[in-house]
Amino acid sequence: MSSDAKKDKAEPEVTHYISGAGGMFPTVFDVPQVNTEERIHQVGKPLELMEQILSFVSKDKELVLDQFCGSGVAGEAALNRNRNSILIEKNEDIYRKACERIKKGRL
């Protein structure tokens, strides 16, 4: 775990740690975009990108919340990285497509 310098400065008698982070967030992700024909949702993110982000901001078995599920890529990435997830999508058609995507990824 990394130390939390801001909290350490405010309370020097106590050592504070930043939890829930798997590492320092990079300034650039070198991941190709999702092919337009393969997108389920207009803002489809690459699976590899979401997996990398989750590995930085969460740990194994933690819960990931995606309140704008869209294509379901965050849910698939969570499963691939041994995380649990809650996905919320208001569009029923998009929701069904996201569920199909996640099921295919688990086969």
PDB file of N, CA and C in Angstrom:
ATOM      1  N   MET A   1       0.832  -1.192   0.000  1.00  0.00           N
ATOM      2  CA  MET A   1       0.000   0.000   0.000  1.00  0.00           C
ATOM      3  C   MET A   1       0.873   1.250   0.000  1.00  0.00           C
ATOM      4  N   SER A   2       0.386   2.290  -0.617  1.00  0.00           N
ATOM      5  CA  SER A   2       1.091   3.563  -0.658  1.00  0.00           C
ATOM      6  C   SER A   2       0.671   4.420   0.514  1.00  0.00           C
ATOM      7  N   SER A   3       1.587   5.269   0.984  1.00  0.00           N
ATOM      8  CA  SER A   3       1.212   6.164   2.075  1.00  0.00           C
ATOM      9  C   SER A   3       0.438   7.346   1.521  1.00  0.00           C
ATOM     10  N   ASP A   4      -0.433   7.909   2.345  1.00  0.00           N
ATOM     11  CA  ASP A   4      -1.251   9.056   1.965  1.00  0.00           C
ATOM     12  C   ASP A   4      -0.598  10.305   2.558  1.00  0.00           C
ATOM     13  N   ALA A   5       0.214  10.986   1.742  1.00  0.00           N
ATOM     14  CA  ALA A   5       1.018  12.117   2.215  1.00  0.00           C
ATOM     15  C   ALA A   5       0.165  13.258   2.755  1.00  0.00           C
ATOM     16  N   LYS A   6      -0.968  13.520   2.129  1.00  0.00           N
ATOM     17  CA  LYS A   6      -1.829  14.626   2.567  1.00  0.00           C
ATOM     18  C   LYS A   6      -2.360  14.382   3.981  1.00  0.00           C
ATOM     19  N   LYS A   7      -2.829  13.158   4.235  1.00  0.00           N
ATOM     20  CA  LYS A   7      -3.337  12.830   5.574  1.00  0.00           C
ATOM     21  C   LYS A   7      -2.199  12.747   6.580  1.00  0.00           C
ATOM     22  N   ASP A   8      -1.025  12.226   6.148  1.00  0.00           N
ATOM     23  CA  ASP A   8       0.137  12.155   7.043  1.00  0.00           C
ATOM     24  C   ASP A   8       0.548  13.547   7.506  1.00  0.00           C
ATOM     25  N   LYS A   9       0.474  14.513   6.613  1.00  0.00           N
ATOM     26  CA  LYS A   9       0.844  15.888   6.955  1.00  0.00           C
ATOM     27  C   LYS A   9      -0.150  16.483   7.952  1.00  0.00           C
ATOM     28  N   ALA A  10      -1.438  16.205   7.771  1.00  0.00           N
ATOM     29  CA  ALA A  10      -2.468  16.725   8.674  1.00  0.00           C
ATOM     30  C   ALA A  10      -2.399  16.078  10.054  1.00  0.00           C
ATOM     31  N   GLU A  11      -2.059  14.789  10.095  1.00  0.00           N
ATOM     32  CA  GLU A  11      -1.939  14.046  11.352  1.00  0.00           C
ATOM     33  C   GLU A  11      -0.601  13.315  11.364  1.00  0.00           C
ATOM     34  N   PRO A  12       0.503  14.013  11.663  1.00  0.00           N
ATOM     35  CA  PRO A  12       1.829  13.390  11.584  1.00  0.00           C
ATOM     36  C   PRO A  12       2.058  12.237  12.560  1.00  0.00           C
ATOM     37  N   GLU A  13       1.268  12.162  13.609  1.00  0.00           N
ATOM     38  CA  GLU A  13       1.457  11.091  14.598  1.00  0.00           C
ATOM     39  C   GLU A  13       0.869   9.761  14.133  1.00  0.00           C
ATOM     40  N   VAL A  14       0.102   9.783  13.041  1.00  0.00           N
ATOM     41  CA  VAL A  14      -0.531   8.568  12.514  1.00  0.00           C
ATOM     42  C   VAL A  14      -0.076   8.361  11.069  1.00  0.00           C
ATOM     43  N   THR A  15       0.243   7.113  10.723  1.00  0.00           N
ATOM     44  CA  THR A  15       0.585   6.797   9.342  1.00  0.00           C
ATOM     45  C   THR A  15      -0.686   6.380   8.619  1.00  0.00           C
ATOM     46  N   HIS A  16      -0.978   7.055   7.519  1.00  0.00           N
ATOM     47  CA  HIS A  16      -2.175   6.762   6.726  1.00  0.00           C
ATOM     48  C   HIS A  16      -1.774   6.079   5.429  1.00  0.00           C
ATOM     49  N   TYR A  17      -2.626   5.192   4.952  1.00  0.00           N
ATOM     50  CA  TYR A  17      -2.362   4.488   3.710  1.00  0.00           C
ATOM     51  C   TYR A  17      -3.525   4.662   2.746  1.00  0.00           C
ATOM     52  N   ILE A  18      -3.197   4.688   1.462  1.00  0.00           N
ATOM     53  CA  ILE A  18      -4.202   4.716   0.418  1.00  0.00           C
ATOM     54  C   ILE A  18      -4.576   3.267   0.154  1.00  0.00           C
ATOM     55  N   SER A  19      -5.851   2.936   0.287  1.00  0.00           N
ATOM     56  CA  SER A  19      -6.254   1.555   0.047  1.00  0.00           C
ATOM     57  C   SER A  19      -7.072   1.455  -1.235  1.00  0.00           C
ATOM     58  N   GLY A  20      -7.213   0.255  -1.731  1.00  0.00           N
ATOM     59  CA  GLY A  20      -8.039   0.008  -2.894  1.00  0.00           C
ATOM     60  C   GLY A  20      -7.354   0.265  -4.218  1.00  0.00           C
ATOM     61  N   ALA A  21      -6.083   0.576  -4.203  1.00  0.00           N
ATOM     62  CA  ALA A  21      -5.373   0.842  -5.456  1.00  0.00           C
ATOM     63  C   ALA A  21      -4.366  -0.267  -5.713  1.00  0.00           C
ATOM     64  N   GLY A  22      -4.330  -0.718  -6.946  1.00  0.00           N
ATOM     65  CA  GLY A  22      -3.404  -1.775  -7.308  1.00  0.00           C
ATOM     66  C   GLY A  22      -2.092  -1.256  -7.864  1.00  0.00           C
ATOM     67  N   GLY A  23      -1.956   0.046  -7.971  1.00  0.00           N
ATOM     68  CA  GLY A  23      -0.729   0.630  -8.506  1.00  0.00           C
ATOM     69  C   GLY A  23      -0.951   2.059  -8.938  1.00  0.00           C
ATOM     70  N   MET A  24       0.113   2.685  -9.398  1.00  0.00           N
ATOM     71  CA  MET A  24       0.020   4.057  -9.884  1.00  0.00           C
ATOM     72  C   MET A  24      -0.652   4.063 -11.252  1.00  0.00           C
ATOM     73  N   PHE A  25      -1.564   4.971 -11.447  1.00  0.00           N
ATOM     74  CA  PHE A  25      -2.304   5.096 -12.698  1.00  0.00           C
ATOM     75  C   PHE A  25      -1.387   5.662 -13.770  1.00  0.00           C
ATOM     76  N   PRO A  26      -1.282   5.014 -14.930  1.00  0.00           N
ATOM     77  CA  PRO A  26      -0.407   5.532 -15.988  1.00  0.00           C
ATOM     78  C   PRO A  26      -0.997   6.793 -16.628  1.00  0.00           C
ATOM     79  N   THR A  27      -0.166   7.566 -17.280  1.00  0.00           N
ATOM     80  CA  THR A  27      -0.646   8.772 -17.954  1.00  0.00           C
ATOM     81  C   THR A  27      -1.200   8.458 -19.330  1.00  0.00           C
ATOM     82  N   VAL A  28      -0.819   7.319 -19.903  1.00  0.00           N
ATOM     83  CA  VAL A  28      -1.289   6.929 -21.232  1.00  0.00           C
ATOM     84  C   VAL A  28      -1.580   5.433 -21.242  1.00  0.00           C
ATOM     85  N   PHE A  29      -2.690   5.059 -21.874  1.00  0.00           N
ATOM     86  CA  PHE A  29      -3.010   3.649 -22.105  1.00  0.00           C
ATOM     87  C   PHE A  29      -2.852   3.395 -23.592  1.00  0.00           C
ATOM     88  N   ASP A  30      -2.047   2.417 -23.956  1.00  0.00           N
ATOM     89  CA  ASP A  30      -1.815   2.105 -25.360  1.00  0.00           C
ATOM     90  C   ASP A  30      -2.699   0.929 -25.757  1.00  0.00           C
ATOM     91  N   VAL A  31      -3.987   1.221 -25.986  1.00  0.00           N
ATOM     92  CA  VAL A  31      -4.972   0.197 -26.309  1.00  0.00           C
ATOM     93  C   VAL A  31      -5.740   0.647 -27.550  1.00  0.00           C
ATOM     94  N   PRO A  32      -5.871  -0.220 -28.566  1.00  0.00           N
ATOM     95  CA  PRO A  32      -6.625   0.175 -29.762  1.00  0.00           C
ATOM     96  C   PRO A  32      -8.114   0.362 -29.463  1.00  0.00           C
ATOM     97  N   GLN A  33      -8.754   1.254 -30.210  1.00  0.00           N
ATOM     98  CA  GLN A  33     -10.180   1.504 -30.050  1.00  0.00           C
ATOM     99  C   GLN A  33     -10.992   0.301 -30.508  1.00  0.00           C
ATOM    100  N   VAL A  34     -12.255   0.248 -30.044  1.00  0.00           N
ATOM    101  CA  VAL A  34     -13.168  -0.805 -30.463  1.00  0.00           C
ATOM    102  C   VAL A  34     -13.595  -0.522 -31.899  1.00  0.00           C
ATOM    103  N   ASN A  35     -13.586  -1.552 -32.730  1.00  0.00           N
ATOM    104  CA  ASN A  35     -14.038  -1.435 -34.106  1.00  0.00           C
ATOM    105  C   ASN A  35     -15.503  -0.996 -34.107  1.00  0.00           C
ATOM    106  N   THR A  36     -15.851  -0.013 -34.914  1.00  0.00           N
ATOM    107  CA  THR A  36     -17.203   0.548 -34.954  1.00  0.00           C
ATOM    108  C   THR A  36     -18.255  -0.528 -35.205  1.00  0.00           C
ATOM    109  N   GLU A  37     -17.987  -1.490 -36.063  1.00  0.00           N
ATOM    110  CA  GLU A  37     -18.956  -2.550 -36.372  1.00  0.00           C
ATOM    111  C   GLU A  37     -19.189  -3.488 -35.189  1.00  0.00           C
ATOM    112  N   GLU A  38     -18.230  -3.564 -34.280  1.00  0.00           N
ATOM    113  CA  GLU A  38     -18.332  -4.483 -33.137  1.00  0.00           C
ATOM    114  C   GLU A  38     -18.963  -3.837 -31.910  1.00  0.00           C
ATOM    115  N   ARG A  39     -19.233  -2.558 -31.956  1.00  0.00           N
ATOM    116  CA  ARG A  39     -19.786  -1.856 -30.795  1.00  0.00           C
ATOM    117  C   ARG A  39     -21.239  -2.239 -30.544  1.00  0.00           C
ATOM    118  N   ILE A  40     -21.557  -2.443 -29.275  1.00  0.00           N
ATOM    119  CA  ILE A  40     -22.929  -2.678 -28.839  1.00  0.00           C
ATOM    120  C   ILE A  40     -23.568  -1.340 -28.499  1.00  0.00           C
ATOM    121  N   HIS A  41     -22.761  -0.442 -28.001  1.00  0.00           N
ATOM    122  CA  HIS A  41     -23.216   0.864 -27.523  1.00  0.00           C
ATOM    123  C   HIS A  41     -22.314   1.924 -28.135  1.00  0.00           C
ATOM    124  N   GLN A  42     -22.836   3.124 -28.288  1.00  0.00           N
ATOM    125  CA  GLN A  42     -22.080   4.195 -28.951  1.00  0.00           C
ATOM    126  C   GLN A  42     -20.780   4.564 -28.258  1.00  0.00           C
ATOM    127  N   VAL A  43     -20.673   4.312 -26.960  1.00  0.00           N
ATOM    128  CA  VAL A  43     -19.467   4.678 -26.223  1.00  0.00           C
ATOM    129  C   VAL A  43     -18.697   3.433 -25.782  1.00  0.00           C
ATOM    130  N   GLY A  44     -18.709   2.400 -26.606  1.00  0.00           N
ATOM    131  CA  GLY A  44     -18.044   1.144 -26.265  1.00  0.00           C
ATOM    132  C   GLY A  44     -16.553   1.322 -26.021  1.00  0.00           C
ATOM    133  N   LYS A  45     -16.099   0.829 -24.894  1.00  0.00           N
ATOM    134  CA  LYS A  45     -14.679   0.919 -24.522  1.00  0.00           C
ATOM    135  C   LYS A  45     -14.003  -0.422 -24.802  1.00  0.00           C
ATOM    136  N   PRO A  46     -12.726  -0.419 -25.102  1.00  0.00           N
ATOM    137  CA  PRO A  46     -11.999  -1.676 -25.307  1.00  0.00           C
ATOM    138  C   PRO A  46     -11.916  -2.486 -24.003  1.00  0.00           C
ATOM    139  N   LEU A  47     -12.135  -3.790 -24.117  1.00  0.00           N
ATOM    140  CA  LEU A  47     -12.070  -4.670 -22.951  1.00  0.00           C
ATOM    141  C   LEU A  47     -10.706  -4.575 -22.273  1.00  0.00           C
ATOM    142  N   GLU A  48      -9.651  -4.572 -23.054  1.00  0.00           N
ATOM    143  CA  GLU A  48      -8.292  -4.500 -22.495  1.00  0.00           C
ATOM    144  C   GLU A  48      -8.099  -3.229 -21.666  1.00  0.00           C
ATOM    145  N   LEU A  49      -8.649  -2.113 -22.127  1.00  0.00           N
ATOM    146  CA  LEU A  49      -8.549  -0.851 -21.389  1.00  0.00           C
ATOM    147  C   LEU A  49      -9.246  -0.954 -20.033  1.00  0.00           C
ATOM    148  N   MET A  50     -10.472  -1.485 -20.034  1.00  0.00           N
ATOM    149  CA  MET A  50     -11.211  -1.611 -18.778  1.00  0.00           C
ATOM    150  C   MET A  50     -10.519  -2.574 -17.819  1.00  0.00           C
ATOM    151  N   GLU A  51      -9.943  -3.652 -18.345  1.00  0.00           N
ATOM    152  CA  GLU A  51      -9.208  -4.586 -17.487  1.00  0.00           C
ATOM    153  C   GLU A  51      -8.007  -3.893 -16.840  1.00  0.00           C
ATOM    154  N   GLN A  52      -7.289  -3.096 -17.626  1.00  0.00           N
ATOM    155  CA  GLN A  52      -6.137  -2.371 -17.082  1.00  0.00           C
ATOM    156  C   GLN A  52      -6.577  -1.378 -16.011  1.00  0.00           C
ATOM    157  N   ILE A  53      -7.631  -0.631 -16.286  1.00  0.00           N
ATOM    158  CA  ILE A  53      -8.118   0.356 -15.312  1.00  0.00           C
ATOM    159  C   ILE A  53      -8.536  -0.335 -14.025  1.00  0.00           C
ATOM    160  N   LEU A  54      -9.295  -1.432 -14.138  1.00  0.00           N
ATOM    161  CA  LEU A  54      -9.731  -2.145 -12.931  1.00  0.00           C
ATOM    162  C   LEU A  54      -8.557  -2.693 -12.132  1.00  0.00           C
ATOM    163  N   SER A  55      -7.508  -3.103 -12.804  1.00  0.00           N
ATOM    164  CA  SER A  55      -6.345  -3.624 -12.071  1.00  0.00           C
ATOM    165  C   SER A  55      -5.638  -2.516 -11.287  1.00  0.00           C
ATOM    166  N   PHE A  56      -5.798  -1.268 -11.724  1.00  0.00           N
ATOM    167  CA  PHE A  56      -5.197  -0.146 -11.002  1.00  0.00           C
ATOM    168  C   PHE A  56      -6.072   0.365  -9.863  1.00  0.00           C
ATOM    169  N   VAL A  57      -7.384   0.349 -10.047  1.00  0.00           N
ATOM    170  CA  VAL A  57      -8.263   1.008  -9.070  1.00  0.00           C
ATOM    171  C   VAL A  57      -8.989   0.050  -8.135  1.00  0.00           C
ATOM    172  N   SER A  58      -8.782  -1.256  -8.306  1.00  0.00           N
ATOM    173  CA  SER A  58      -9.456  -2.209  -7.429  1.00  0.00           C
ATOM    174  C   SER A  58      -8.571  -3.426  -7.201  1.00  0.00           C
ATOM    175  N   LYS A  59      -9.018  -4.249  -6.274  1.00  0.00           N
ATOM    176  CA  LYS A  59      -8.286  -5.471  -5.943  1.00  0.00           C
ATOM    177  C   LYS A  59      -9.187  -6.678  -6.156  1.00  0.00           C
ATOM    178  N   ASP A  60      -8.586  -7.881  -6.158  1.00  0.00           N
ATOM    179  CA  ASP A  60      -9.362  -9.118  -6.310  1.00  0.00           C
ATOM    180  C   ASP A  60     -10.559  -9.143  -5.379  1.00  0.00           C
ATOM    181  N   LYS A  61     -11.668  -9.624  -5.913  1.00  0.00           N
ATOM    182  CA  LYS A  61     -12.916  -9.845  -5.186  1.00  0.00           C
ATOM    183  C   LYS A  61     -13.620  -8.572  -4.737  1.00  0.00           C
ATOM    184  N   GLU A  62     -13.100  -7.405  -5.092  1.00  0.00           N
ATOM    185  CA  GLU A  62     -13.811  -6.166  -4.759  1.00  0.00           C
ATOM    186  C   GLU A  62     -15.005  -5.995  -5.682  1.00  0.00           C
ATOM    187  N   LEU A  63     -15.905  -5.107  -5.302  1.00  0.00           N
ATOM    188  CA  LEU A  63     -17.126  -4.851  -6.045  1.00  0.00           C
ATOM    189  C   LEU A  63     -16.955  -3.632  -6.937  1.00  0.00           C
ATOM    190  N   VAL A  64     -17.283  -3.785  -8.213  1.00  0.00           N
ATOM    191  CA  VAL A  64     -17.192  -2.715  -9.199  1.00  0.00           C
ATOM    192  C   VAL A  64     -18.613  -2.299  -9.555  1.00  0.00           C
ATOM    193  N   LEU A  65     -18.896  -1.005  -9.513  1.00  0.00           N
ATOM    194  CA  LEU A  65     -20.216  -0.484  -9.877  1.00  0.00           C
ATOM    195  C   LEU A  65     -20.107   0.285 -11.182  1.00  0.00           C
ATOM    196  N   ASP A  66     -20.927  -0.084 -12.146  1.00  0.00           N
ATOM    197  CA  ASP A  66     -21.017   0.651 -13.408  1.00  0.00           C
ATOM    198  C   ASP A  66     -22.468   1.082 -13.558  1.00  0.00           C
ATOM    199  N   GLN A  67     -22.743   2.323 -13.207  1.00  0.00           N
ATOM    200  CA  GLN A  67     -24.121   2.803 -13.215  1.00  0.00           C
ATOM    201  C   GLN A  67     -24.611   3.194 -14.601  1.00  0.00           C
ATOM    202  N   PHE A  68     -23.750   3.114 -15.595  1.00  0.00           N
ATOM    203  CA  PHE A  68     -24.110   3.351 -16.992  1.00  0.00           C
ATOM    204  C   PHE A  68     -23.552   2.199 -17.814  1.00  0.00           C
ATOM    205  N   CYS A  69     -24.119   1.036 -17.667  1.00  0.00           N
ATOM    206  CA  CYS A  69     -23.581  -0.229 -18.192  1.00  0.00           C
ATOM    207  C   CYS A  69     -23.246  -0.194 -19.672  1.00  0.00           C
ATOM    208  N   GLY A  70     -24.116   0.335 -20.493  1.00  0.00           N
ATOM    209  CA  GLY A  70     -23.860   0.349 -21.933  1.00  0.00           C
ATOM    210  C   GLY A  70     -23.568  -1.032 -22.463  1.00  0.00           C
ATOM    211  N   SER A  71     -22.402  -1.228 -23.042  1.00  0.00           N
ATOM    212  CA  SER A  71     -22.060  -2.497 -23.689  1.00  0.00           C
ATOM    213  C   SER A  71     -21.723  -3.612 -22.701  1.00  0.00           C
ATOM    214  N   GLY A  72     -21.559  -3.309 -21.440  1.00  0.00           N
ATOM    215  CA  GLY A  72     -21.245  -4.333 -20.440  1.00  0.00           C
ATOM    216  C   GLY A  72     -19.767  -4.639 -20.322  1.00  0.00           C
ATOM    217  N   VAL A  73     -18.922  -3.826 -20.960  1.00  0.00           N
ATOM    218  CA  VAL A  73     -17.482  -4.107 -20.959  1.00  0.00           C
ATOM    219  C   VAL A  73     -16.904  -4.062 -19.544  1.00  0.00           C
ATOM    220  N   ALA A  74     -17.408  -3.188 -18.683  1.00  0.00           N
ATOM    221  CA  ALA A  74     -16.897  -3.134 -17.306  1.00  0.00           C
ATOM    222  C   ALA A  74     -17.234  -4.418 -16.551  1.00  0.00           C
ATOM    223  N   GLY A  75     -18.412  -4.972 -16.801  1.00  0.00           N
ATOM    224  CA  GLY A  75     -18.786  -6.230 -16.164  1.00  0.00           C
ATOM    225  C   GLY A  75     -17.941  -7.390 -16.636  1.00  0.00           C
ATOM    226  N   GLU A  76     -17.685  -7.452 -17.938  1.00  0.00           N
ATOM    227  CA  GLU A  76     -16.836  -8.514 -18.479  1.00  0.00           C
ATOM    228  C   GLU A  76     -15.408  -8.374 -17.956  1.00  0.00           C
ATOM    229  N   ALA A  77     -14.905  -7.134 -17.930  1.00  0.00           N
ATOM    230  CA  ALA A  77     -13.549  -6.892 -17.419  1.00  0.00           C
ATOM    231  C   ALA A  77     -13.460  -7.267 -15.938  1.00  0.00           C
ATOM    232  N   ALA A  78     -14.510  -6.958 -15.175  1.00  0.00           N
ATOM    233  CA  ALA A  78     -14.524  -7.303 -13.751  1.00  0.00           C
ATOM    234  C   ALA A  78     -14.423  -8.813 -13.572  1.00  0.00           C
ATOM    235  N   LEU A  79     -15.204  -9.555 -14.328  1.00  0.00           N
ATOM    236  CA  LEU A  79     -15.140 -11.025 -14.238  1.00  0.00           C
ATOM    237  C   LEU A  79     -13.764 -11.546 -14.631  1.00  0.00           C
ATOM    238  N   ASN A  80     -13.191 -10.980 -15.695  1.00  0.00           N
ATOM    239  CA  ASN A  80     -11.870 -11.415 -16.151  1.00  0.00           C
ATOM    240  C   ASN A  80     -10.776 -11.106 -15.133  1.00  0.00           C
ATOM    241  N   ARG A  81     -10.983 -10.070 -14.328  1.00  0.00           N
ATOM    242  CA  ARG A  81      -9.980  -9.659 -13.330  1.00  0.00           C
ATOM    243  C   ARG A  81     -10.351 -10.105 -11.914  1.00  0.00           C
ATOM    244  N   ASN A  82     -11.268 -11.060 -11.807  1.00  0.00           N
ATOM    245  CA  ASN A  82     -11.657 -11.621 -10.512  1.00  0.00           C
ATOM    246  C   ASN A  82     -12.285 -10.588  -9.579  1.00  0.00           C
ATOM    247  N   ARG A  83     -13.131  -9.735 -10.152  1.00  0.00           N
ATOM    248  CA  ARG A  83     -13.898  -8.767  -9.372  1.00  0.00           C
ATOM    249  C   ARG A  83     -15.384  -9.094  -9.517  1.00  0.00           C
ATOM    250  N   ASN A  84     -16.176  -8.653  -8.570  1.00  0.00           N
ATOM    251  CA  ASN A  84     -17.624  -8.737  -8.668  1.00  0.00           C
ATOM    252  C   ASN A  84     -18.113  -7.422  -9.258  1.00  0.00           C
ATOM    253  N   SER A  85     -19.314  -7.424  -9.844  1.00  0.00           N
ATOM    254  CA  SER A  85     -19.793  -6.175 -10.426  1.00  0.00           C
ATOM    255  C   SER A  85     -21.302  -6.039 -10.322  1.00  0.00           C
ATOM    256  N   ILE A  86     -21.734  -4.792 -10.277  1.00  0.00           N
ATOM    257  CA  ILE A  86     -23.139  -4.422 -10.386  1.00  0.00           C
ATOM    258  C   ILE A  86     -23.221  -3.495 -11.583  1.00  0.00           C
ATOM    259  N   LEU A  87     -24.082  -3.856 -12.537  1.00  0.00           N
ATOM    260  CA  LEU A  87     -24.225  -3.066 -13.755  1.00  0.00           C
ATOM    261  C   LEU A  87     -25.649  -2.540 -13.843  1.00  0.00           C
ATOM    262  N   ILE A  88     -25.803  -1.274 -14.175  1.00  0.00           N
ATOM    263  CA  ILE A  88     -27.116  -0.652 -14.292  1.00  0.00           C
ATOM    264  C   ILE A  88     -27.255  -0.065 -15.695  1.00  0.00           C
ATOM    265  N   GLU A  89     -28.327  -0.424 -16.378  1.00  0.00           N
ATOM    266  CA  GLU A  89     -28.602   0.111 -17.717  1.00  0.00           C
ATOM    267  C   GLU A  89     -30.101   0.309 -17.863  1.00  0.00           C
ATOM    268  N   LYS A  90     -30.523   1.506 -18.255  1.00  0.00           N
ATOM    269  CA  LYS A  90     -31.954   1.789 -18.364  1.00  0.00           C
ATOM    270  C   LYS A  90     -32.567   1.317 -19.678  1.00  0.00           C
ATOM    271  N   ASN A  91     -31.773   1.203 -20.741  1.00  0.00           N
ATOM    272  CA  ASN A  91     -32.282   0.763 -22.031  1.00  0.00           C
ATOM    273  C   ASN A  91     -32.326  -0.759 -22.052  1.00  0.00           C
ATOM    274  N   GLU A  92     -33.524  -1.328 -22.148  1.00  0.00           N
ATOM    275  CA  GLU A  92     -33.692  -2.771 -22.046  1.00  0.00           C
ATOM    276  C   GLU A  92     -32.988  -3.541 -23.165  1.00  0.00           C
ATOM    277  N   ASP A  93     -33.031  -3.008 -24.379  1.00  0.00           N
ATOM    278  CA  ASP A  93     -32.380  -3.661 -25.520  1.00  0.00           C
ATOM    279  C   ASP A  93     -30.858  -3.698 -25.328  1.00  0.00           C
ATOM    280  N   ILE A  94     -30.287  -2.573 -24.946  1.00  0.00           N
ATOM    281  CA  ILE A  94     -28.843  -2.499 -24.679  1.00  0.00           C
ATOM    282  C   ILE A  94     -28.477  -3.435 -23.529  1.00  0.00           C
ATOM    283  N   TYR A  95     -29.322  -3.487 -22.488  1.00  0.00           N
ATOM    284  CA  TYR A  95     -29.090  -4.366 -21.339  1.00  0.00           C
ATOM    285  C   TYR A  95     -29.004  -5.828 -21.786  1.00  0.00           C
ATOM    286  N   ARG A  96     -29.943  -6.261 -22.639  1.00  0.00           N
ATOM    287  CA  ARG A  96     -29.940  -7.652 -23.120  1.00  0.00           C
ATOM    288  C   ARG A  96     -28.657  -7.959 -23.913  1.00  0.00           C
ATOM    289  N   LYS A  97     -28.253  -7.002 -24.749  1.00  0.00           N
ATOM    290  CA  LYS A  97     -27.021  -7.190 -25.534  1.00  0.00           C
ATOM    291  C   LYS A  97     -25.801  -7.274 -24.622  1.00  0.00           C
ATOM    292  N   ALA A  98     -25.780  -6.456 -23.569  1.00  0.00           N
ATOM    293  CA  ALA A  98     -24.661  -6.497 -22.608  1.00  0.00           C
ATOM    294  C   ALA A  98     -24.626  -7.851 -21.898  1.00  0.00           C
ATOM    295  N   CYS A  99     -25.806  -8.363 -21.526  1.00  0.00           N
ATOM    296  CA  CYS A  99     -25.865  -9.679 -20.871  1.00  0.00           C
ATOM    297  C   CYS A  99     -25.341 -10.768 -21.793  1.00  0.00           C
ATOM    298  N   GLU A 100     -25.727 -10.713 -23.082  1.00  0.00           N
ATOM    299  CA  GLU A 100     -25.240 -11.692 -24.060  1.00  0.00           C
ATOM    300  C   GLU A 100     -23.727 -11.618 -24.178  1.00  0.00           C
ATOM    301  N   ARG A 101     -23.188 -10.404 -24.205  1.00  0.00           N
ATOM    302  CA  ARG A 101     -21.744 -10.213 -24.316  1.00  0.00           C
ATOM    303  C   ARG A 101     -21.020 -10.861 -23.138  1.00  0.00           C
ATOM    304  N   ILE A 102     -21.524 -10.610 -21.948  1.00  0.00           N
ATOM    305  CA  ILE A 102     -20.880 -11.137 -20.749  1.00  0.00           C
ATOM    306  C   ILE A 102     -20.971 -12.668 -20.721  1.00  0.00           C
ATOM    307  N   LYS A 103     -22.110 -13.211 -21.113  1.00  0.00           N
ATOM    308  CA  LYS A 103     -22.262 -14.670 -21.155  1.00  0.00           C
ATOM    309  C   LYS A 103     -21.290 -15.290 -22.165  1.00  0.00           C
ATOM    310  N   LYS A 104     -21.150 -14.683 -23.336  1.00  0.00           N
ATOM    311  CA  LYS A 104     -20.210 -15.181 -24.348  1.00  0.00           C
ATOM    312  C   LYS A 104     -18.777 -15.141 -23.835  1.00  0.00           C
ATOM    313  N   GLY A 105     -18.440 -14.097 -23.104  1.00  0.00           N
ATOM    314  CA  GLY A 105     -17.092 -13.952 -22.554  1.00  0.00           C
ATOM    315  C   GLY A 105     -16.771 -14.972 -21.485  1.00  0.00           C
ATOM    316  N   ARG A 106     -17.814 -15.540 -20.875  1.00  0.00           N
ATOM    317  CA  ARG A 106     -17.616 -16.511 -19.793  1.00  0.00           C
ATOM    318  C   ARG A 106     -17.609 -17.941 -20.292  1.00  0.00           C
ATOM    319  N   LEU A 107     -17.925 -18.181 -21.554  1.00  0.00           N
ATOM    320  CA  LEU A 107     -17.968 -19.550 -22.086  1.00  0.00           C
ATOM    321  C   LEU A 107     -16.584 -20.066 -22.408  1.00  0.00           C
TER     322      LEU A 107
END
